[in-house]
Protein backbone atom coordinates (compact mmCIF):
# COMPACT_ATOMS: atom_id res chain seq x y z
CA MET A 1 22.72 32.06 -25.80
CA HIS A 2 19.81 32.82 -23.54
CA VAL A 3 19.32 35.70 -21.16
CA GLU A 4 18.78 33.14 -18.38
CA VAL A 5 22.40 32.03 -18.68
CA LEU A 6 23.65 35.57 -18.14
CA GLN A 7 21.20 36.10 -15.30
CA THR A 8 22.34 32.87 -13.65
CA LEU A 9 25.99 33.93 -13.69
CA GLY A 10 25.12 37.58 -13.04
CA ASP A 11 24.36 36.86 -9.40
CA PRO A 12 27.53 37.62 -7.37
CA THR A 13 27.07 34.65 -5.02
CA ARG A 14 26.57 32.19 -7.86
CA LEU A 15 29.54 33.63 -9.70
CA ARG A 16 31.62 33.22 -6.52
CA ILE A 17 30.47 29.58 -6.26
CA VAL A 18 31.47 29.00 -9.89
CA GLU A 19 34.89 30.49 -9.12
CA ILE A 20 35.26 28.15 -6.14
CA LEU A 21 34.26 25.13 -8.22
CA ARG A 22 36.71 26.12 -10.92
CA GLY A 23 39.35 24.64 -8.64
CA GLY A 24 37.62 21.25 -8.63
CA GLU A 25 34.91 19.34 -6.85
CA HIS A 26 33.67 20.67 -3.47
CA SER A 27 31.12 19.71 -0.89
CA VAL A 28 28.40 22.15 0.15
CA ASN A 29 30.22 22.71 3.47
CA ASP A 30 33.45 23.58 1.64
CA ILE A 31 31.55 26.16 -0.40
CA VAL A 32 29.76 27.58 2.65
CA GLU A 33 33.17 28.27 4.24
CA ASN A 34 34.09 30.46 1.26
CA VAL A 35 30.94 32.57 0.86
CA ASP A 36 29.06 34.94 3.14
CA ILE A 37 25.76 33.05 3.31
CA ASP A 38 24.44 30.06 5.23
CA GLN A 39 24.18 26.47 4.04
CA SER A 40 20.55 26.76 2.91
CA GLY A 41 21.44 29.78 0.76
CA VAL A 42 24.39 27.99 -0.81
CA SER A 43 22.18 24.96 -1.51
CA ARG A 44 19.61 27.21 -3.20
CA HIS A 45 22.29 28.79 -5.43
CA LEU A 46 23.73 25.36 -6.24
CA ARG A 47 20.25 24.15 -7.24
CA ILE A 48 19.87 27.14 -9.58
CA LEU A 49 23.30 26.48 -11.08
CA GLN A 50 22.45 22.80 -11.47
CA GLU A 51 19.12 23.54 -13.16
CA ALA A 52 20.91 25.91 -15.55
CA GLY A 53 23.41 23.14 -16.36
CA PHE A 54 26.49 24.80 -14.87
CA VAL A 55 27.11 22.27 -12.09
CA ARG A 56 26.62 18.58 -11.50
CA VAL A 57 26.20 16.84 -8.17
CA ARG A 58 27.79 13.58 -7.05
CA PRO A 59 26.23 12.02 -3.97
CA ASP A 60 28.57 10.22 -1.61
CA GLY A 61 26.67 8.92 1.40
CA GLN A 62 25.23 11.87 3.27
CA LYS A 63 27.43 14.36 1.42
CA ARG A 64 26.90 15.97 -1.96
CA PHE A 65 29.86 17.02 -4.05
CA TYR A 66 29.51 19.65 -6.75
CA SER A 67 31.65 20.27 -9.82
CA LEU A 68 31.40 22.37 -12.96
CA CYS A 69 30.00 21.08 -16.23
CA PRO A 70 32.12 22.29 -19.17
CA GLU A 71 29.35 22.41 -21.78
CA PRO A 72 27.61 25.67 -20.81
CA PHE A 73 30.99 27.38 -20.54
CA ARG A 74 31.84 26.22 -24.06
CA ASP A 75 28.50 27.64 -25.23
CA LEU A 76 29.27 30.89 -23.42
CA ASP A 77 32.72 31.02 -25.01
CA ALA A 78 31.22 30.43 -28.48
CA TRP A 79 28.75 33.25 -27.90
CA VAL A 80 31.46 35.65 -26.68
CA SER A 81 33.74 34.72 -29.58
CA GLN A 82 31.15 36.17 -31.97
CA TYR A 83 31.93 39.55 -30.43
CA ARG A 84 35.66 38.99 -30.03
CA GLN A 85 36.33 39.88 -33.66
CA LEU A 86 34.48 43.16 -33.19
CA TRP A 87 36.49 43.98 -30.04
CA GLU A 88 39.79 42.98 -31.61
CA GLY A 89 39.06 45.12 -34.68
CA ARG A 90 38.32 48.11 -32.48
CA LEU A 91 41.41 47.47 -30.37
CA ASP A 92 43.54 47.25 -33.53
CA LYS A 93 42.18 50.62 -34.65
CA PHE A 94 42.85 52.05 -31.19
CA VAL A 95 46.45 50.79 -31.29
CA GLU A 96 46.91 52.34 -34.73
CA ALA A 97 45.51 55.67 -33.52
CA LEU A 98 47.87 55.64 -30.53
CA ALA A 99 50.82 54.90 -32.82
CA ARG A 100 49.87 57.79 -35.13
CA LYS A 101 49.55 60.13 -32.15
CA ARG A 102 52.89 58.96 -30.74
CA ASP A 103 54.57 59.43 -34.14
CA ALA A 104 53.04 62.90 -34.56
CA LYS A 105 54.22 63.92 -31.09
CA LYS A 106 57.70 62.54 -31.80
CA SER A 107 57.80 64.43 -35.10
CA CYS A 108 56.68 67.62 -33.36
CA LEU A 109 59.41 67.27 -30.71
CA GLU A 110 62.04 66.63 -33.35
CA THR A 111 60.91 69.74 -35.27
CA ARG A 112 61.16 71.83 -32.09
CA LYS A 113 64.65 70.51 -31.34
CA SER A 114 65.76 71.22 -34.88
CA SER A 115 64.29 74.71 -34.72
CA ARG A 116 66.05 75.44 -31.42
CA ARG A 117 69.35 74.20 -32.82
CA GLU A 118 68.99 76.46 -35.84
CA HIS A 119 68.10 79.36 -33.60
CA HIS A 120 71.19 78.79 -31.41
CA GLU A 121 73.40 78.42 -34.46
CA ARG A 122 72.18 81.75 -35.87
CA LYS A 123 72.74 83.46 -32.52
CA SER A 124 76.29 82.20 -32.24
CA GLU A 125 77.24 83.48 -35.72
C-alpha cells in the first residue's frame, strides 16, 4: 500500500467521483452534473484516478465512459484488513469494559434497593 493511493483518494472531489462511479459507468458529463467543478476539472481528476489505476475509460465515439477498476480497491481492503484485527480486539475489550461497568452499576443499585428495604423494615418494626 503506497501513500500515493491514500493521497489519490484523499482528495474530496476524487472521492466524490469514485462514489459516483460506484453506481456504474458514467460519462464525463454525467459526473460533471454531480460535482461542483467544471468539465476540465473533472477530466483532470479522472486522469489522476486513471493513472492511479482506480478507473478505466471506454471510448464510444466522441464520448468517454468511466468505470471503477476493482483491483486497487481489493488491495486497499487487504491493507485495511491488516488493521481490522487490531480494531476488533480493541472494540472487544471496550465492549467487555462497558459490560463490567454496567454490571457494577446494576450491582450497586441492587445493593441500595436492598439497603433501603432493610431500613424500611427496621423502621416499621
